[in-house]
Amino acid sequence: MPVVLEHLGKRFGDGAPVLDDVNATIAKGEFVALLGASGCGKSTLLNILAGLEQPTSGALEVPADGAAFMFQDSALFPWLTARANIELALQLADKNAGKRSSKAERSARATELLELVHLGGAGDKRPHELSGGMRQRVALARSLAQDRQLLLMDEPFAALDAITRDLLHDELERIWKETGRTIVFVTHNVREAVRLGQRVLLLSSRPGRVVAEWDVTEEHRTDAGRAGELTATITRRLREEIRRHAN
């Protein structure tokens, strides 16, 4: 099912609204990048989509099984191996779904997920033995282990160097196409948004609402000049929002 936001609003206590009149529809299997100035409510919106926060007003439709969440920090358990971190996510997913699987079944599925993120030989390594990019791959595999249609990603590559980030862009695009997940990807990086998203949504400065959107076509993906033009257009619009907030 699609993700639908209708006149969604959020405020904390008696404070000013963080989100106000947010309207958007995200199709099943679509990859949407979400941009906005710092403090505009992007992470709050993800938390609402994940069910971690409740909206103050408006309506929300998400898949019945909820969403998987991938954070900026890999947040792996340091005392567990890469495989064991994924197996734990599989065990929790079984519990939430009222299912039971054997340890051997979970181990086999964890191995499949490690292969999917190109870490088949790293399953027995602990987080401190992995590079930052490898840890994020394990975190992605752990998110996929939850086996939910909707995947929410909150700046998962922001702390990585440019080369590693570009490599993980390729990996994420491949995995998205292979799994058919619906992805909402929060980023501050306009180039990253254009590189990954089929559509880019821009939130206004607080209170956040969708004030612009752009379709990213196959031509943008294959023509660096067209991609650069779109990136420049979005960047100008984003800067307008940042200046508006500053004033």
Protein backbone atom coordinates (compact mmCIF):
# COMPACT_ATOMS: atom_id res chain seq x y z
CA MET A 1 0.00 0.00 0.00
CA PRO A 2 1.15 3.61 -0.49
CA VAL A 3 2.21 5.95 2.30
CA VAL A 4 -0.28 8.82 2.57
CA LEU A 5 0.05 11.99 4.66
CA GLU A 6 -2.96 14.29 4.80
CA HIS A 7 -2.78 17.68 6.57
CA LEU A 8 -0.34 16.16 9.06
CA GLY A 9 0.75 18.34 11.96
CA LYS A 10 2.95 17.92 15.01
CA ARG A 11 3.72 20.09 18.00
CA PHE A 12 5.34 19.21 21.31
CA GLY A 13 3.42 20.52 24.31
CA ASP A 14 2.53 24.19 24.03
CA GLY A 15 5.42 24.97 21.69
CA ALA A 16 5.27 26.18 18.11
CA PRO A 17 4.36 23.50 15.55
CA VAL A 18 7.24 21.44 14.19
CA LEU A 19 5.17 20.15 11.25
CA ASP A 20 2.08 21.78 9.81
CA ASP A 21 -0.26 20.68 7.01
CA VAL A 22 2.13 18.10 5.52
CA ASN A 23 0.62 16.45 2.44
CA ALA A 24 2.33 13.72 0.42
CA THR A 25 1.67 10.37 -1.21
CA ILE A 26 4.49 7.86 -1.70
CA ALA A 27 3.73 4.93 -3.98
CA LYS A 28 4.57 1.36 -3.07
CA GLY A 29 8.12 0.64 -4.18
CA GLU A 30 8.99 4.31 -4.67
CA PHE A 31 12.27 5.85 -3.50
CA VAL A 32 11.66 9.36 -2.13
CA ALA A 33 14.40 11.68 -0.85
CA LEU A 34 13.39 14.21 1.80
CA LEU A 35 15.33 17.48 2.03
CA GLY A 36 15.08 20.49 4.28
CA ALA A 37 17.00 22.92 6.46
CA SER A 38 18.23 21.76 9.85
CA GLY A 39 15.39 21.74 12.37
CA CYS A 40 12.60 21.67 9.80
CA GLY A 41 11.11 18.44 11.15
CA LYS A 42 12.51 15.79 8.80
CA SER A 43 13.46 13.38 11.58
CA THR A 44 10.19 14.07 13.42
CA LEU A 45 8.32 13.13 10.25
CA LEU A 46 10.27 9.87 10.00
CA ASN A 47 9.49 9.14 13.65
CA ILE A 48 5.79 9.61 12.92
CA LEU A 49 5.99 7.30 9.90
CA ALA A 50 7.74 4.72 12.10
CA GLY A 51 5.08 5.00 14.82
CA LEU A 52 7.58 6.37 17.34
CA GLU A 53 5.66 9.67 17.55
CA GLN A 54 1.98 10.41 17.10
CA PRO A 55 0.82 13.33 14.93
CA THR A 56 -1.04 16.15 16.63
CA SER A 57 -3.39 16.60 13.70
CA GLY A 58 -4.17 15.17 10.28
CA ALA A 59 -4.22 11.62 8.97
CA LEU A 60 -1.57 9.05 8.18
CA GLU A 61 -1.59 5.78 6.24
CA VAL A 62 1.36 3.41 6.33
CA PRO A 63 1.69 -0.34 5.63
CA ALA A 64 0.01 -2.44 8.30
CA ASP A 65 3.29 -4.08 9.33
CA GLY A 66 4.90 -0.72 10.08
CA ALA A 67 8.36 0.38 9.00
CA ALA A 68 12.01 -0.57 9.38
CA PHE A 69 14.34 2.24 10.46
CA MET A 70 18.00 2.85 9.61
CA PHE A 71 19.76 5.61 11.54
CA GLN A 72 22.82 7.77 10.85
CA ASP A 73 24.78 5.71 13.36
CA SER A 74 24.92 1.98 12.72
CA ALA A 75 24.06 1.33 16.42
CA LEU A 76 25.30 -2.26 16.25
CA PHE A 77 25.74 -4.23 19.47
CA PRO A 78 29.54 -4.22 19.86
CA TRP A 79 29.70 -7.59 21.61
CA LEU A 80 27.87 -9.38 18.77
CA THR A 81 29.26 -10.36 15.39
CA ALA A 82 27.80 -8.91 12.22
CA ARG A 83 25.81 -12.10 11.68
CA ALA A 84 24.58 -12.16 15.29
CA ASN A 85 23.39 -8.55 15.04
CA ILE A 86 21.27 -9.53 12.05
CA GLU A 87 20.07 -12.75 13.69
CA LEU A 88 18.85 -10.74 16.67
CA ALA A 89 16.80 -8.53 14.34
CA LEU A 90 15.36 -11.65 12.71
CA GLN A 91 14.44 -13.08 16.12
CA LEU A 92 12.68 -9.86 17.11
CA ALA A 93 10.86 -9.75 13.76
CA ASP A 94 9.63 -13.31 14.34
CA LYS A 95 8.43 -12.40 17.83
CA ASN A 96 6.55 -9.34 16.56
CA ALA A 97 4.94 -11.42 13.81
CA GLY A 98 4.05 -14.27 16.17
CA LYS A 99 6.30 -16.68 14.28
CA ARG A 100 9.03 -19.07 15.36
CA SER A 101 12.15 -20.01 13.47
CA SER A 102 15.13 -22.14 14.42
CA LYS A 103 18.60 -20.74 15.07
CA ALA A 104 19.79 -22.54 11.95
CA GLU A 105 17.08 -20.84 9.87
CA ARG A 106 17.98 -17.43 11.25
CA SER A 107 21.67 -18.05 10.62
CA ALA A 108 20.96 -19.01 7.03
CA ARG A 109 18.79 -15.94 6.48
CA ALA A 110 21.44 -13.69 8.07
CA THR A 111 24.01 -15.14 5.68
CA GLU A 112 21.69 -14.35 2.75
CA LEU A 113 21.34 -10.76 3.93
CA LEU A 114 25.10 -10.39 4.39
CA GLU A 115 25.54 -11.61 0.82
CA LEU A 116 22.92 -9.11 -0.34
CA VAL A 117 24.97 -6.22 1.08
CA HIS A 118 28.24 -7.76 -0.21
CA LEU A 119 29.56 -8.72 3.22
CA GLY A 120 29.46 -12.48 2.87
CA GLY A 121 32.96 -12.90 4.30
CA ALA A 122 32.50 -10.58 7.27
CA GLY A 123 29.76 -12.34 9.22
CA ASP A 124 32.04 -13.41 12.08
CA LYS A 125 33.61 -9.99 12.58
CA ARG A 126 32.56 -7.66 15.38
CA PRO A 127 31.76 -3.99 14.72
CA HIS A 128 35.18 -2.71 15.83
CA GLU A 129 36.75 -4.90 13.15
CA LEU A 130 34.67 -3.30 10.38
CA SER A 131 35.09 0.01 8.58
CA GLY A 132 32.40 2.67 8.86
CA GLY A 133 30.99 1.73 5.46
CA MET A 134 30.90 -1.96 6.37
CA ARG A 135 29.11 -1.21 9.64
CA GLN A 136 26.46 0.72 7.70
CA ARG A 137 26.05 -2.26 5.37
CA VAL A 138 25.43 -4.47 8.38
CA ALA A 139 22.92 -1.90 9.67
CA LEU A 140 21.18 -1.98 6.28
CA ALA A 141 21.05 -5.78 6.35
CA ARG A 142 19.63 -5.59 9.87
CA SER A 143 16.92 -3.18 8.67
CA LEU A 144 16.05 -5.53 5.81
CA ALA A 145 15.87 -8.39 8.31
CA GLN A 146 12.72 -6.78 9.72
CA ASP A 147 11.09 -7.73 6.40
CA ARG A 148 8.88 -4.65 6.16
CA GLN A 149 7.80 -2.97 2.96
CA LEU A 150 8.61 0.53 4.20
CA LEU A 151 12.23 1.42 4.96
CA LEU A 152 12.99 4.76 6.63
CA MET A 153 16.57 6.05 6.42
CA ASP A 154 17.70 9.04 8.48
CA GLU A 155 20.93 10.35 6.93
CA PRO A 156 22.55 6.90 7.05
CA PHE A 157 25.65 7.89 5.06
CA ALA A 158 26.26 11.41 6.40
CA ALA A 159 29.29 10.48 8.50
CA LEU A 160 31.08 8.56 5.72
CA ASP A 161 33.79 9.83 3.38
CA ALA A 162 32.77 10.75 -0.16
CA ILE A 163 34.16 7.65 -1.87
CA THR A 164 32.53 5.23 0.61
CA ARG A 165 29.27 7.16 0.36
CA ASP A 166 29.27 6.88 -3.44
CA LEU A 167 29.89 3.14 -3.22
CA LEU A 168 27.01 2.73 -0.79
CA HIS A 169 24.75 4.75 -3.07
CA ASP A 170 25.33 2.12 -5.75
CA GLU A 171 24.71 -0.68 -3.25
CA LEU A 172 21.52 0.87 -1.90
CA GLU A 173 20.13 1.42 -5.40
CA ARG A 174 20.86 -2.20 -6.29
CA ILE A 175 19.23 -3.51 -3.10
CA TRP A 176 16.19 -1.27 -3.55
CA LYS A 177 15.67 -2.63 -7.05
CA GLU A 178 16.15 -6.22 -5.88
CA THR A 179 13.84 -6.01 -2.88
CA GLY A 180 11.15 -3.59 -4.11
CA ARG A 181 11.09 -1.74 -0.79
CA THR A 182 9.43 1.65 -0.40
CA ILE A 183 12.18 3.99 0.85
CA VAL A 184 11.98 7.42 2.46
CA PHE A 185 15.52 8.78 2.68
CA VAL A 186 16.32 11.90 4.72
CA THR A 187 19.43 13.82 3.70
CA HIS A 188 20.98 17.31 3.82
CA ASN A 189 22.94 16.52 0.65
CA VAL A 190 21.16 17.67 -2.53
CA ARG A 191 23.49 15.67 -4.76
CA GLU A 192 22.70 12.55 -2.74
CA ALA A 193 18.97 13.21 -3.03
CA VAL A 194 19.18 13.51 -6.82
CA ARG A 195 21.48 10.50 -7.06
CA LEU A 196 19.13 8.19 -5.15
CA GLY A 197 15.56 9.45 -5.25
CA GLN A 198 12.93 8.97 -7.90
CA ARG A 199 11.37 12.04 -6.38
CA VAL A 200 12.76 14.78 -4.12
CA LEU A 201 10.49 16.49 -1.57
CA LEU A 202 11.52 19.74 0.09
CA LEU A 203 10.25 20.66 3.55
CA SER A 204 9.97 24.32 4.47
CA SER A 205 11.75 25.76 7.46
CA ARG A 206 9.81 25.30 10.69
CA PRO A 207 7.01 24.59 10.68
CA GLY A 208 7.83 21.95 8.11
CA ARG A 209 5.49 21.37 5.19
CA VAL A 210 6.10 20.09 1.67
CA VAL A 211 6.71 23.23 -0.39
CA ALA A 212 8.29 21.79 -3.53
CA GLU A 213 8.96 18.49 -5.25
CA TRP A 214 10.93 17.34 -8.27
CA ASP A 215 10.83 14.16 -10.33
CA VAL A 216 14.22 12.57 -11.00
CA THR A 217 14.08 10.94 -14.43
CA GLU A 218 16.29 8.30 -16.00
CA GLU A 219 17.79 11.11 -18.07
CA HIS A 220 19.01 12.75 -14.88
CA ARG A 221 20.66 9.47 -13.89
CA THR A 222 22.48 9.03 -17.20
CA ASP A 223 23.28 12.66 -18.10
CA ALA A 224 25.61 14.38 -15.66
CA GLY A 225 24.73 17.77 -17.11
CA ARG A 226 20.99 17.32 -16.51
CA ALA A 227 21.68 15.97 -13.02
CA GLY A 228 23.82 19.02 -12.29
CA GLU A 229 21.08 21.38 -13.49
CA LEU A 230 18.49 19.72 -11.25
CA THR A 231 20.89 19.73 -8.30
CA ALA A 232 21.49 23.47 -8.81
CA THR A 233 17.74 24.17 -9.02
CA ILE A 234 17.00 22.29 -5.81
CA THR A 235 19.97 23.88 -4.04
CA ARG A 236 18.71 27.38 -4.89
CA ARG A 237 15.26 26.54 -3.53
CA LEU A 238 16.74 25.01 -0.38
CA ARG A 239 18.85 28.12 0.21
CA GLU A 240 15.71 30.25 -0.07
CA GLU A 241 14.17 28.23 2.74
CA ILE A 242 17.30 28.52 4.87
CA ARG A 243 17.39 32.32 4.37
CA ARG A 244 13.70 32.58 5.17
CA HIS A 245 14.26 30.74 8.45
CA ALA A 246 17.24 32.95 9.29
CA ASN A 247 15.11 36.05 8.84
